[in-house]
Protein backbone atom coordinates (compact mmCIF):
# COMPACT_ATOMS: atom_id res chain seq x y z
CA MET A 1 -84.57 42.07 -2.12
CA VAL A 2 -87.11 42.26 -4.91
CA ALA A 3 -85.76 42.04 -8.44
CA VAL A 4 -87.55 44.27 -10.92
CA SER A 5 -86.99 43.82 -14.62
CA ILE A 6 -86.20 46.77 -16.85
CA VAL A 7 -89.45 46.27 -18.75
CA ALA A 8 -91.52 46.41 -15.58
CA LEU A 9 -89.59 49.43 -14.40
CA SER A 10 -90.13 51.26 -17.68
CA LEU A 11 -93.85 50.45 -17.49
CA LEU A 12 -93.97 51.87 -13.99
CA LEU A 13 -92.22 55.02 -15.10
CA SER A 14 -94.62 55.51 -17.98
CA ILE A 15 -97.75 55.27 -15.77
CA PRO A 16 -98.80 58.75 -14.69
CA ASP A 17 -99.49 59.24 -11.01
CA ALA A 18 -102.37 61.44 -10.05
CA ASN A 19 -100.56 62.89 -7.03
CA ARG A 20 -97.00 63.06 -8.21
CA ALA A 21 -94.93 61.71 -11.05
CA PRO A 22 -91.76 59.89 -9.98
CA SER A 23 -88.73 61.97 -10.83
CA SER A 24 -86.30 59.05 -11.00
CA ALA A 25 -86.09 55.29 -11.05
CA VAL A 26 -85.41 55.33 -7.31
CA ASP A 27 -88.71 57.12 -6.72
CA ALA A 28 -90.47 54.57 -8.93
CA LEU A 29 -89.01 51.65 -6.98
CA ALA A 30 -89.91 53.27 -3.68
CA ALA A 31 -93.50 53.57 -4.87
CA LEU A 32 -93.81 49.79 -5.35
CA PRO A 33 -95.68 48.06 -2.54
CA GLY A 34 -93.41 45.93 -0.39
CA VAL A 35 -90.20 47.50 -1.68
CA ARG A 36 -88.13 49.28 0.91
CA MET A 37 -85.16 51.34 -0.07
CA PRO A 38 -82.16 51.02 2.23
CA ARG A 39 -81.42 54.05 4.30
CA VAL A 40 -77.85 55.14 3.69
CA PRO A 41 -76.36 57.32 6.41
CA MET A 42 -74.69 60.44 5.04
CA PRO A 43 -71.61 61.79 6.76
CA ALA A 44 -71.98 65.12 8.49
CA GLN A 45 -70.91 68.02 6.30
CA ARG A 46 -68.05 69.90 7.89
CA LEU A 47 -65.92 72.75 6.69
CA PRO A 48 -62.30 71.89 5.92
CA HIS A 49 -59.95 72.34 8.84
CA LEU A 50 -57.50 75.15 8.22
CA PRO A 51 -54.41 75.27 10.37
CA LYS A 52 -54.46 77.96 13.02
CA ARG A 53 -51.78 80.55 13.10
CA SER A 54 -49.32 79.98 15.85
CA GLY A 55 -48.28 82.60 18.38
CA SER A 56 -46.40 84.37 15.59
CA SER A 57 -49.55 85.88 14.07
CA ALA A 58 -48.27 89.41 14.76
CA ALA A 59 -45.09 88.59 12.84
CA ILE A 60 -47.09 87.14 9.94
CA SER A 61 -49.29 90.24 9.77
CA GLN A 62 -46.13 92.41 9.71
CA ILE A 63 -44.83 90.34 6.80
CA GLU A 64 -48.10 90.73 4.93
CA ARG A 65 -48.14 94.50 5.52
CA ARG A 66 -44.51 94.79 4.37
CA LEU A 67 -45.22 92.91 1.16
CA LYS A 68 -48.23 95.12 0.47
CA ALA A 69 -45.98 98.15 0.95
CA MET A 70 -43.50 96.48 -1.42
CA VAL A 71 -46.15 96.50 -4.15
CA THR A 72 -46.48 100.27 -3.81
CA ASP A 73 -42.71 100.68 -3.74
CA GLN A 74 -42.27 98.56 -6.86
CA GLU A 75 -44.95 100.47 -8.79
CA SER A 76 -43.30 103.74 -7.86
CA TRP A 77 -39.91 102.39 -8.98
CA TYR A 78 -41.43 101.13 -12.24
CA ALA A 79 -42.92 104.56 -12.97
CA ASP A 80 -39.45 106.13 -12.67
CA HIS A 81 -37.28 103.43 -14.27
CA ALA A 82 -39.56 101.44 -16.66
CA SER A 83 -38.48 98.25 -14.89
CA TYR A 84 -39.08 96.70 -11.49
CA GLY A 85 -36.36 97.00 -8.85
CA SER A 86 -34.30 94.10 -7.58
CA ASN A 87 -32.96 95.66 -4.35
CA ALA A 88 -35.56 95.69 -1.57
CA ASN A 89 -33.64 98.24 0.53
CA ALA A 90 -33.30 100.67 -2.37
CA LEU A 91 -37.01 100.33 -3.16
CA ALA A 92 -38.24 101.10 0.35
CA ARG A 93 -39.64 104.59 0.65
CA ASN A 94 -38.91 106.79 3.65
CA THR A 95 -42.31 105.99 5.18
CA THR A 96 -41.58 102.28 4.87
CA ARG A 97 -38.14 102.66 6.42
CA ALA A 98 -39.52 104.72 9.30
CA ASP A 99 -42.16 102.13 10.23
CA SER A 100 -40.75 100.27 13.23
CA ALA A 101 -43.02 97.27 12.60
CA PHE A 102 -41.04 96.53 9.42
CA SER A 103 -37.63 96.67 11.10
CA LYS A 104 -37.42 92.90 11.64
CA VAL A 105 -39.08 91.85 8.36
CA GLN A 106 -36.49 90.53 5.93
CA VAL A 107 -37.45 90.98 2.28
CA GLN A 108 -35.62 89.45 -0.65
CA VAL A 109 -36.48 90.21 -4.28
CA LEU A 110 -36.13 86.90 -6.08
CA TYR A 111 -36.79 88.21 -9.58
CA ALA A 112 -37.34 91.64 -11.10
CA GLY A 113 -37.68 92.51 -14.76
CA LYS A 114 -39.69 94.68 -17.12
CA LYS A 115 -42.83 92.52 -16.94
CA GLY A 116 -42.97 91.45 -13.30
CA TRP A 117 -41.28 90.70 -10.02
CA THR A 118 -41.23 88.17 -7.20
CA ALA A 119 -40.32 88.71 -3.57
CA MET A 120 -40.13 86.62 -0.42
CA ALA A 121 -40.35 87.88 3.15
CA SER A 122 -39.71 86.31 6.53
CA HIS A 123 -39.61 87.35 10.18
CA PRO A 124 -37.37 85.99 12.96
CA ASP A 125 -40.37 85.68 15.31
CA ALA A 126 -42.04 83.28 12.82
CA PRO A 127 -39.35 80.66 12.19
CA GLY A 128 -39.96 78.41 9.23
CA LYS A 129 -42.68 80.63 7.76
CA THR A 130 -42.33 82.81 4.70
CA CYS A 131 -44.68 84.76 2.48
CA VAL A 132 -44.19 85.14 -1.24
CA ILE A 133 -45.68 87.63 -3.67
CA TYR A 134 -45.41 87.83 -7.43
CA VAL A 135 -46.69 90.42 -9.84
């Protein structure tokens, strides 16, 4: 390995090149005759691995749809009562109750007040998985 002093390196950086000016000290060192820069292998760039949904993806999508319907139900309740509702069954509109896809989704309102609410939903076909929403 060739040792280059800081003074020599600064002189090299100050010399203009007719073709191209070095943009960094690494470029200046690479331009020296007899100096070879080591080639460093870069790891392949991959996207992060996200876990796949298990066979219960239909149950998870039902939970998501039920929580989205819960947002509408809560806003309707808030318009009538000036506070968010704490009983998920009382909040559910007739269209929500009539939807057979929501029959197995269990929703629990964890917190409801004048400024916001939090709910958690689960499905028996997706054991160990829950979805939470807070507004």
